[in-house]
Amino acid sequence: MLDKLGTKGIVGVVCLLAGITLVAVQAPIVAAGIALVVAGMGLVAGGLAENVMKMFGMA
C-alpha cells in the first residue's frame, strides 16, 4: 500500500494522524468524531473510484 501512496501520500497520512493526535490530547471525543469523518470520506472516495474504474472496464 505504501508504494501506491508515494511520498506526498505518506506525508499526507502523517499530517492527518498528527492533526487527529493533537486534537485528541485536548478533546478525545472530538478527535474520535474527526477520525470517523475522515474514514468515511476515504471509504466514499474509494467506492467512487472503484465504480468509475468499472465503468471504463479497468477493474
C-alpha atoms as a PDB file:
ATOM      1  CA  MET A   1       0.000   0.000   0.000  1.00  0.00           C
ATOM      2  CA  LEU A   2       2.789   2.424   0.818  1.00  0.00           C
ATOM      3  CA  ASP A   3       4.247   2.073  -2.677  1.00  0.00           C
ATOM      4  CA  LYS A   4       0.908   3.194  -4.168  1.00  0.00           C
ATOM      5  CA  LEU A   5       0.702   6.296  -1.961  1.00  0.00           C
ATOM      6  CA  GLY A   6       4.007   7.840  -2.924  1.00  0.00           C
ATOM      7  CA  THR A   7       5.889  10.423  -0.909  1.00  0.00           C
ATOM      8  CA  LYS A   8       3.125  13.038  -0.888  1.00  0.00           C
ATOM      9  CA  GLY A   9       0.573  10.454   0.185  1.00  0.00           C
ATOM     10  CA  ILE A  10       2.717   9.266   3.080  1.00  0.00           C
ATOM     11  CA  VAL A  11       3.317  12.848   4.221  1.00  0.00           C
ATOM     12  CA  GLY A  12      -0.435  13.454   3.982  1.00  0.00           C
ATOM     13  CA  VAL A  13      -1.211  10.428   6.149  1.00  0.00           C
ATOM     14  CA  VAL A  14       1.390  11.512   8.715  1.00  0.00           C
ATOM     15  CA  CYS A  15      -0.081  15.041   8.825  1.00  0.00           C
ATOM     16  CA  LEU A  16      -3.578  13.616   9.167  1.00  0.00           C
ATOM     17  CA  LEU A  17      -2.574  11.387  12.072  1.00  0.00           C
ATOM     18  CA  ALA A  18      -0.622  14.208  13.726  1.00  0.00           C
ATOM     19  CA  GLY A  19      -3.636  16.510  13.490  1.00  0.00           C
ATOM     20  CA  ILE A  20      -6.007  13.946  14.980  1.00  0.00           C
ATOM     21  CA  THR A  21      -3.472  13.243  17.747  1.00  0.00           C
ATOM     22  CA  LEU A  22      -3.204  16.945  18.526  1.00  0.00           C
ATOM     23  CA  VAL A  23      -6.983  17.234  18.810  1.00  0.00           C
ATOM     24  CA  ALA A  24      -7.148  14.012  20.865  1.00  0.00           C
ATOM     25  CA  VAL A  25      -4.856  15.496  23.503  1.00  0.00           C
ATOM     26  CA  GLN A  26      -7.361  18.284  24.140  1.00  0.00           C
ATOM     27  CA  ALA A  27     -10.710  16.650  23.280  1.00  0.00           C
ATOM     28  CA  PRO A  28     -10.737  12.870  22.750  1.00  0.00           C
ATOM     29  CA  ILE A  29     -14.424  12.692  21.756  1.00  0.00           C
ATOM     30  CA  VAL A  30     -14.000  15.372  19.101  1.00  0.00           C
ATOM     31  CA  ALA A  31     -10.930  13.533  17.785  1.00  0.00           C
ATOM     32  CA  ALA A  32     -12.948  10.317  17.522  1.00  0.00           C
ATOM     33  CA  GLY A  33     -15.579  12.172  15.506  1.00  0.00           C
ATOM     34  CA  ILE A  34     -12.974  13.653  13.197  1.00  0.00           C
ATOM     35  CA  ALA A  35     -11.407  10.211  12.691  1.00  0.00           C
ATOM     36  CA  LEU A  36     -14.796   8.725  11.779  1.00  0.00           C
ATOM     37  CA  VAL A  37     -15.493  11.513   9.291  1.00  0.00           C
ATOM     38  CA  VAL A  38     -12.091  11.091   7.647  1.00  0.00           C
ATOM     39  CA  ALA A  39     -12.535   7.305   7.462  1.00  0.00           C
ATOM     40  CA  GLY A  40     -15.987   7.746   5.940  1.00  0.00           C
ATOM     41  CA  MET A  41     -14.682  10.164   3.338  1.00  0.00           C
ATOM     42  CA  GLY A  42     -11.946   7.698   2.446  1.00  0.00           C
ATOM     43  CA  LEU A  43     -14.468   4.895   2.001  1.00  0.00           C
ATOM     44  CA  VAL A  44     -16.697   7.072  -0.184  1.00  0.00           C
ATOM     45  CA  ALA A  45     -13.753   8.172  -2.342  1.00  0.00           C
ATOM     46  CA  GLY A  46     -12.600   4.577  -2.708  1.00  0.00           C
ATOM     47  CA  GLY A  47     -16.075   3.435  -3.705  1.00  0.00           C
ATOM     48  CA  LEU A  48     -16.405   6.206  -6.271  1.00  0.00           C
ATOM     49  CA  ALA A  49     -13.000   5.447  -7.755  1.00  0.00           C
ATOM     50  CA  GLU A  50     -13.832   1.743  -7.975  1.00  0.00           C
ATOM     51  CA  ASN A  51     -17.142   2.420  -9.720  1.00  0.00           C
ATOM     52  CA  VAL A  52     -15.548   4.798 -12.224  1.00  0.00           C
ATOM     53  CA  MET A  53     -12.862   2.229 -13.000  1.00  0.00           C
ATOM     54  CA  LYS A  54     -15.553  -0.421 -13.545  1.00  0.00           C
ATOM     55  CA  MET A  55     -17.410   1.906 -15.914  1.00  0.00           C
ATOM     56  CA  PHE A  56     -14.281   2.200 -18.044  1.00  0.00           C
ATOM     57  CA  GLY A  57     -13.621  -1.543 -17.833  1.00  0.00           C
ATOM     58  CA  MET A  58     -10.445  -1.256 -15.796  1.00  0.00           C
ATOM     59  CA  ALA A  59     -11.499  -3.269 -12.751  1.00  0.00           C
END
